[in-house]
Amino acid sequence: MNIPFMRVDRQFAGLKTETMEVIESVLRHGKVLQGPEISKLEEQLSDIFGLSHATTVGSGTDALILSLKALDLKSGGKVAVTSFSFVASASCIVHAGGVPVFVDIDNTFLANRDTLLSLIKQN
């Protein structure tokens, strides 16, 4: 028996008309990252979360960089990051002016709690 893992085709079938209309609209005006659809999404997100503003970004890497910069990370400030992660996790810290401090993971694949606590107590 072959049981499909994901049935994207079924999901797409139910949303095909709406999805294709939006895709065609974006392709027609050519504004992939700053078009009216993005403005609408940002407005909807700010309404959902009760915020005055919401900003979308082009990637998870961009989101990490902007988040670190929003924290006003001091130049050379240390930021803990697991050693079991994608390169963007550490490179974003460097890009924002910080220094990544690698922390081993535990058996749940999360940062080791004891290591994190000892790092906090050192500073």
N, C-alpha and C. Protein backbone atom coordinates (compact mmCIF):
# COMPACT_ATOMS: atom_id res chain seq x y z
N MET A 1 0.84 -1.17 0.00
CA MET A 1 0.00 0.00 0.00
C MET A 1 0.89 1.24 0.00
N ASN A 2 0.55 2.21 -0.82
CA ASN A 2 1.30 3.45 -0.92
C ASN A 2 0.44 4.59 -0.36
N ILE A 3 0.86 5.11 0.80
CA ILE A 3 0.12 6.21 1.43
C ILE A 3 0.93 7.49 1.23
N PRO A 4 0.41 8.44 0.46
CA PRO A 4 1.16 9.68 0.21
C PRO A 4 1.39 10.46 1.49
N PHE A 5 2.57 11.04 1.63
CA PHE A 5 2.92 11.83 2.80
C PHE A 5 2.17 13.15 2.81
N MET A 6 2.21 13.85 1.70
CA MET A 6 1.52 15.13 1.59
C MET A 6 0.68 15.14 0.33
N ARG A 7 -0.50 15.64 0.42
CA ARG A 7 -1.37 15.74 -0.75
C ARG A 7 -1.55 17.18 -1.14
N VAL A 8 -0.47 17.80 -1.61
CA VAL A 8 -0.51 19.19 -2.03
C VAL A 8 -1.49 19.36 -3.18
N ASP A 9 -1.63 18.33 -4.00
CA ASP A 9 -2.55 18.41 -5.12
C ASP A 9 -3.98 18.63 -4.64
N ARG A 10 -4.36 18.00 -3.54
CA ARG A 10 -5.71 18.18 -3.00
C ARG A 10 -5.88 19.58 -2.43
N GLN A 11 -4.86 20.04 -1.74
CA GLN A 11 -4.91 21.40 -1.19
C GLN A 11 -5.03 22.42 -2.32
N PHE A 12 -4.22 22.23 -3.35
CA PHE A 12 -4.24 23.15 -4.48
C PHE A 12 -5.58 23.13 -5.21
N ALA A 13 -6.16 21.95 -5.37
CA ALA A 13 -7.44 21.84 -6.07
C ALA A 13 -8.51 22.71 -5.42
N GLY A 14 -8.51 22.76 -4.10
CA GLY A 14 -9.51 23.55 -3.39
C GLY A 14 -9.26 25.04 -3.43
N LEU A 15 -8.01 25.43 -3.70
CA LEU A 15 -7.64 26.85 -3.69
C LEU A 15 -7.17 27.35 -5.05
N LYS A 16 -7.29 26.50 -6.07
CA LYS A 16 -6.70 26.80 -7.37
C LYS A 16 -7.15 28.14 -7.94
N THR A 17 -8.43 28.40 -8.00
CA THR A 17 -8.93 29.63 -8.63
C THR A 17 -8.39 30.86 -7.91
N GLU A 18 -8.54 30.90 -6.59
CA GLU A 18 -8.08 32.05 -5.80
C GLU A 18 -6.56 32.19 -5.90
N THR A 19 -5.83 31.09 -5.80
CA THR A 19 -4.37 31.12 -5.85
C THR A 19 -3.87 31.62 -7.19
N MET A 20 -4.42 31.10 -8.27
CA MET A 20 -3.97 31.48 -9.61
C MET A 20 -4.29 32.94 -9.92
N GLU A 21 -5.42 33.43 -9.41
CA GLU A 21 -5.76 34.84 -9.62
C GLU A 21 -4.71 35.75 -8.98
N VAL A 22 -4.29 35.41 -7.76
CA VAL A 22 -3.30 36.24 -7.06
C VAL A 22 -1.94 36.12 -7.75
N ILE A 23 -1.56 34.92 -8.13
CA ILE A 23 -0.27 34.72 -8.82
C ILE A 23 -0.25 35.51 -10.12
N GLU A 24 -1.32 35.43 -10.90
CA GLU A 24 -1.38 36.17 -12.16
C GLU A 24 -1.34 37.67 -11.93
N SER A 25 -1.99 38.14 -10.89
CA SER A 25 -1.96 39.57 -10.57
C SER A 25 -0.54 40.02 -10.26
N VAL A 26 0.17 39.26 -9.45
CA VAL A 26 1.56 39.59 -9.10
C VAL A 26 2.44 39.57 -10.34
N LEU A 27 2.26 38.57 -11.20
CA LEU A 27 3.07 38.49 -12.42
C LEU A 27 2.76 39.63 -13.38
N ARG A 28 1.51 40.08 -13.39
CA ARG A 28 1.13 41.19 -14.28
C ARG A 28 1.79 42.50 -13.85
N HIS A 29 1.75 42.82 -12.55
CA HIS A 29 2.35 44.10 -12.12
C HIS A 29 3.83 43.96 -11.77
N GLY A 30 4.30 42.74 -11.54
CA GLY A 30 5.73 42.50 -11.36
C GLY A 30 6.33 42.88 -10.01
N LYS A 31 5.51 43.28 -9.06
CA LYS A 31 6.01 43.68 -7.74
C LYS A 31 5.87 42.50 -6.77
N VAL A 32 6.88 41.66 -6.75
CA VAL A 32 6.80 40.43 -5.96
C VAL A 32 6.88 40.72 -4.46
N LEU A 33 7.79 41.60 -4.05
CA LEU A 33 8.00 41.84 -2.63
C LEU A 33 7.34 43.10 -2.10
N GLN A 34 6.94 44.02 -2.96
CA GLN A 34 6.38 45.28 -2.48
C GLN A 34 5.09 45.66 -3.20
N GLY A 35 4.37 44.68 -3.62
CA GLY A 35 3.12 44.95 -4.33
C GLY A 35 1.95 45.12 -3.39
N PRO A 36 0.79 45.37 -3.95
CA PRO A 36 -0.41 45.60 -3.14
C PRO A 36 -0.82 44.38 -2.31
N GLU A 37 -0.50 43.19 -2.78
CA GLU A 37 -0.84 41.98 -2.03
C GLU A 37 -0.07 41.94 -0.70
N ILE A 38 1.18 42.41 -0.74
CA ILE A 38 1.99 42.42 0.48
C ILE A 38 1.45 43.46 1.46
N SER A 39 1.08 44.62 0.94
CA SER A 39 0.49 45.65 1.81
C SER A 39 -0.78 45.13 2.48
N LYS A 40 -1.60 44.43 1.71
CA LYS A 40 -2.84 43.86 2.25
C LYS A 40 -2.52 42.82 3.33
N LEU A 41 -1.53 41.97 3.07
CA LEU A 41 -1.13 40.96 4.05
C LEU A 41 -0.64 41.62 5.34
N GLU A 42 0.18 42.65 5.20
CA GLU A 42 0.70 43.34 6.38
C GLU A 42 -0.42 43.99 7.19
N GLU A 43 -1.41 44.57 6.50
CA GLU A 43 -2.57 45.15 7.19
C GLU A 43 -3.35 44.06 7.94
N GLN A 44 -3.55 42.92 7.27
CA GLN A 44 -4.29 41.82 7.90
C GLN A 44 -3.54 41.29 9.12
N LEU A 45 -2.22 41.18 9.02
CA LEU A 45 -1.43 40.69 10.15
C LEU A 45 -1.49 41.67 11.32
N SER A 46 -1.40 42.96 11.03
CA SER A 46 -1.46 43.94 12.12
C SER A 46 -2.84 43.91 12.79
N ASP A 47 -3.89 43.69 12.02
CA ASP A 47 -5.23 43.59 12.59
C ASP A 47 -5.36 42.33 13.46
N ILE A 48 -4.89 41.21 12.94
CA ILE A 48 -4.99 39.94 13.67
C ILE A 48 -4.28 40.02 15.01
N PHE A 49 -3.09 40.64 15.03
CA PHE A 49 -2.29 40.67 16.25
C PHE A 49 -2.47 41.96 17.06
N GLY A 50 -3.38 42.83 16.61
CA GLY A 50 -3.66 44.05 17.35
C GLY A 50 -2.48 45.01 17.40
N LEU A 51 -1.76 45.10 16.31
CA LEU A 51 -0.59 45.98 16.23
C LEU A 51 -0.87 47.14 15.30
N SER A 52 -0.14 48.22 15.50
CA SER A 52 -0.32 49.35 14.59
C SER A 52 0.38 49.12 13.25
N HIS A 53 1.40 48.27 13.25
CA HIS A 53 2.13 47.97 12.02
C HIS A 53 2.59 46.51 12.02
N ALA A 54 2.77 45.96 10.83
CA ALA A 54 3.38 44.65 10.64
C ALA A 54 4.21 44.73 9.37
N THR A 55 5.34 44.07 9.38
CA THR A 55 6.23 44.09 8.22
C THR A 55 6.57 42.66 7.83
N THR A 56 6.46 42.37 6.56
CA THR A 56 6.88 41.06 6.07
C THR A 56 8.27 41.22 5.46
N VAL A 57 8.98 40.11 5.39
CA VAL A 57 10.32 40.11 4.80
C VAL A 57 10.43 38.98 3.80
N GLY A 58 11.52 38.99 3.03
CA GLY A 58 11.68 38.03 1.94
C GLY A 58 12.15 36.65 2.35
N SER A 59 12.66 36.50 3.58
CA SER A 59 13.17 35.20 3.98
C SER A 59 13.28 35.10 5.50
N GLY A 60 13.47 33.90 5.98
CA GLY A 60 13.71 33.69 7.41
C GLY A 60 15.01 34.34 7.85
N THR A 61 16.00 34.34 6.97
CA THR A 61 17.28 34.99 7.28
C THR A 61 17.06 36.48 7.50
N ASP A 62 16.31 37.12 6.62
CA ASP A 62 15.99 38.54 6.79
C ASP A 62 15.27 38.77 8.11
N ALA A 63 14.34 37.89 8.46
CA ALA A 63 13.59 38.03 9.70
C ALA A 63 14.52 37.95 10.92
N LEU A 64 15.46 37.03 10.88
CA LEU A 64 16.41 36.91 12.00
C LEU A 64 17.29 38.15 12.12
N ILE A 65 17.79 38.64 11.00
CA ILE A 65 18.65 39.84 11.02
C ILE A 65 17.89 41.03 11.57
N LEU A 66 16.69 41.27 11.06
CA LEU A 66 15.90 42.42 11.52
C LEU A 66 15.52 42.28 12.99
N SER A 67 15.23 41.06 13.43
CA SER A 67 14.89 40.85 14.84
C SER A 67 16.07 41.18 15.74
N LEU A 68 17.25 40.73 15.35
CA LEU A 68 18.44 41.03 16.15
C LEU A 68 18.75 42.52 16.15
N LYS A 69 18.58 43.17 15.01
CA LYS A 69 18.83 44.61 14.95
C LYS A 69 17.80 45.37 15.77
N ALA A 70 16.57 44.90 15.81
CA ALA A 70 15.53 45.54 16.60
C ALA A 70 15.83 45.45 18.09
N LEU A 71 16.57 44.42 18.49
CA LEU A 71 16.96 44.27 19.90
C LEU A 71 18.07 45.22 20.30
N ASP A 72 18.60 45.95 19.32
CA ASP A 72 19.70 46.88 19.55
C ASP A 72 20.90 46.15 20.18
N LEU A 73 21.24 45.03 19.56
CA LEU A 73 22.37 44.22 20.01
C LEU A 73 23.65 45.05 19.95
N LYS A 74 24.35 45.10 21.06
CA LYS A 74 25.59 45.87 21.09
C LYS A 74 26.66 45.15 20.28
N SER A 75 27.52 45.93 19.63
CA SER A 75 28.60 45.36 18.84
C SER A 75 29.44 44.44 19.72
N GLY A 76 29.61 43.22 19.27
CA GLY A 76 30.38 42.23 20.04
C GLY A 76 29.56 41.50 21.09
N GLY A 77 28.27 41.82 21.18
CA GLY A 77 27.40 41.15 22.15
C GLY A 77 27.26 39.68 21.82
N LYS A 78 27.26 38.87 22.85
CA LYS A 78 27.18 37.41 22.65
C LYS A 78 25.73 36.96 22.58
N VAL A 79 25.48 36.06 21.63
CA VAL A 79 24.15 35.50 21.44
C VAL A 79 24.28 33.99 21.35
N ALA A 80 23.56 33.27 22.21
CA ALA A 80 23.60 31.81 22.20
C ALA A 80 22.83 31.28 20.99
N VAL A 81 23.40 30.28 20.36
CA VAL A 81 22.77 29.63 19.21
C VAL A 81 23.16 28.15 19.25
N THR A 82 22.23 27.28 18.89
CA THR A 82 22.57 25.86 18.93
C THR A 82 23.57 25.52 17.83
N SER A 83 24.39 24.55 18.11
CA SER A 83 25.37 24.11 17.13
C SER A 83 24.71 23.22 16.08
N PHE A 84 23.48 22.82 16.32
CA PHE A 84 22.73 21.96 15.41
C PHE A 84 21.68 22.81 14.70
N SER A 85 22.13 23.62 13.76
CA SER A 85 21.23 24.56 13.10
C SER A 85 21.75 24.91 11.72
N PHE A 86 20.95 25.63 10.97
CA PHE A 86 21.33 26.12 9.66
C PHE A 86 22.31 27.28 9.83
N VAL A 87 23.17 27.49 8.87
CA VAL A 87 24.20 28.52 8.94
C VAL A 87 23.62 29.91 9.19
N ALA A 88 22.41 30.18 8.72
CA ALA A 88 21.81 31.51 8.90
C ALA A 88 21.64 31.85 10.37
N SER A 89 21.44 30.87 11.22
CA SER A 89 21.26 31.15 12.65
C SER A 89 22.46 31.89 13.21
N ALA A 90 23.65 31.47 12.84
CA ALA A 90 24.87 32.12 13.34
C ALA A 90 25.26 33.32 12.48
N SER A 91 25.11 33.21 11.17
CA SER A 91 25.55 34.31 10.30
C SER A 91 24.71 35.56 10.53
N CYS A 92 23.46 35.41 10.91
CA CYS A 92 22.61 36.57 11.20
C CYS A 92 23.11 37.31 12.44
N ILE A 93 23.59 36.56 13.40
CA ILE A 93 24.15 37.18 14.61
C ILE A 93 25.37 38.02 14.23
N VAL A 94 26.23 37.45 13.40
CA VAL A 94 27.43 38.17 12.95
C VAL A 94 27.02 39.40 12.15
N HIS A 95 26.07 39.24 11.24
CA HIS A 95 25.59 40.35 10.41
C HIS A 95 25.05 41.50 11.26
N ALA A 96 24.43 41.17 12.39
CA ALA A 96 23.87 42.19 13.27
C ALA A 96 24.91 42.75 14.24
N GLY A 97 26.16 42.29 14.12
CA GLY A 97 27.24 42.83 14.95
C GLY A 97 27.54 42.03 16.19
N GLY A 98 26.88 40.90 16.36
CA GLY A 98 27.08 40.07 17.54
C GLY A 98 28.07 38.95 17.32
N VAL A 99 28.28 38.19 18.38
CA VAL A 99 29.18 37.04 18.35
C VAL A 99 28.37 35.80 18.73
N PRO A 100 28.27 34.82 17.82
CA PRO A 100 27.52 33.61 18.18
C PRO A 100 28.29 32.77 19.20
N VAL A 101 27.58 32.29 20.19
CA VAL A 101 28.15 31.36 21.16
C VAL A 101 27.40 30.06 20.97
N PHE A 102 28.11 29.06 20.50
CA PHE A 102 27.46 27.79 20.15
C PHE A 102 27.19 26.95 21.39
N VAL A 103 25.97 26.41 21.44
CA VAL A 103 25.52 25.61 22.55
C VAL A 103 25.10 24.25 22.01
N ASP A 104 25.56 23.18 22.66
CA ASP A 104 25.15 21.85 22.25
C ASP A 104 23.66 21.66 22.49
N ILE A 105 23.09 20.69 21.81
CA ILE A 105 21.68 20.38 21.97
C ILE A 105 21.52 19.22 22.96
N ASP A 106 20.30 19.09 23.48
CA ASP A 106 20.01 17.95 24.34
C ASP A 106 19.28 16.89 23.51
N ASN A 107 18.74 15.89 24.16
CA ASN A 107 18.10 14.79 23.42
C ASN A 107 16.74 15.18 22.82
N THR A 108 16.30 16.42 23.05
CA THR A 108 15.07 16.91 22.41
C THR A 108 15.41 17.84 21.24
N PHE A 109 16.71 17.94 20.92
CA PHE A 109 17.22 18.79 19.84
C PHE A 109 17.09 20.29 20.15
N LEU A 110 16.90 20.64 21.41
CA LEU A 110 16.88 22.03 21.85
C LEU A 110 18.20 22.36 22.51
N ALA A 111 18.47 23.65 22.68
CA ALA A 111 19.70 24.07 23.35
C ALA A 111 19.74 23.44 24.74
N ASN A 112 20.90 22.96 25.12
CA ASN A 112 21.07 22.33 26.43
C ASN A 112 20.82 23.37 27.52
N ARG A 113 19.82 23.10 28.35
CA ARG A 113 19.39 24.05 29.38
C ARG A 113 20.51 24.39 30.35
N ASP A 114 21.21 23.39 30.82
CA ASP A 114 22.28 23.63 31.79
C ASP A 114 23.38 24.50 31.20
N THR A 115 23.72 24.27 29.95
CA THR A 115 24.74 25.09 29.29
C THR A 115 24.28 26.53 29.17
N LEU A 116 23.02 26.71 28.77
CA LEU A 116 22.48 28.07 28.66
C LEU A 116 22.50 28.79 30.00
N LEU A 117 22.07 28.10 31.05
CA LEU A 117 22.05 28.73 32.37
C LEU A 117 23.44 29.09 32.84
N SER A 118 24.42 28.25 32.55
CA SER A 118 25.79 28.56 32.97
C SER A 118 26.34 29.77 32.18
N LEU A 119 25.95 29.90 30.91
CA LEU A 119 26.37 31.06 30.13
C LEU A 119 25.76 32.34 30.69
N ILE A 120 24.50 32.27 31.09
CA ILE A 120 23.82 33.45 31.65
C ILE A 120 24.48 33.85 32.97
N LYS A 121 24.80 32.88 33.80
CA LYS A 121 25.41 33.17 35.10
C LYS A 121 26.81 33.75 34.97
N GLN A 122 27.49 33.44 33.87
CA GLN A 122 28.85 33.97 33.66
C GLN A 122 28.83 35.45 33.38
N ASN A 123 27.74 35.96 32.85
CA ASN A 123 27.71 37.38 32.43
C ASN A 123 26.96 38.24 33.40
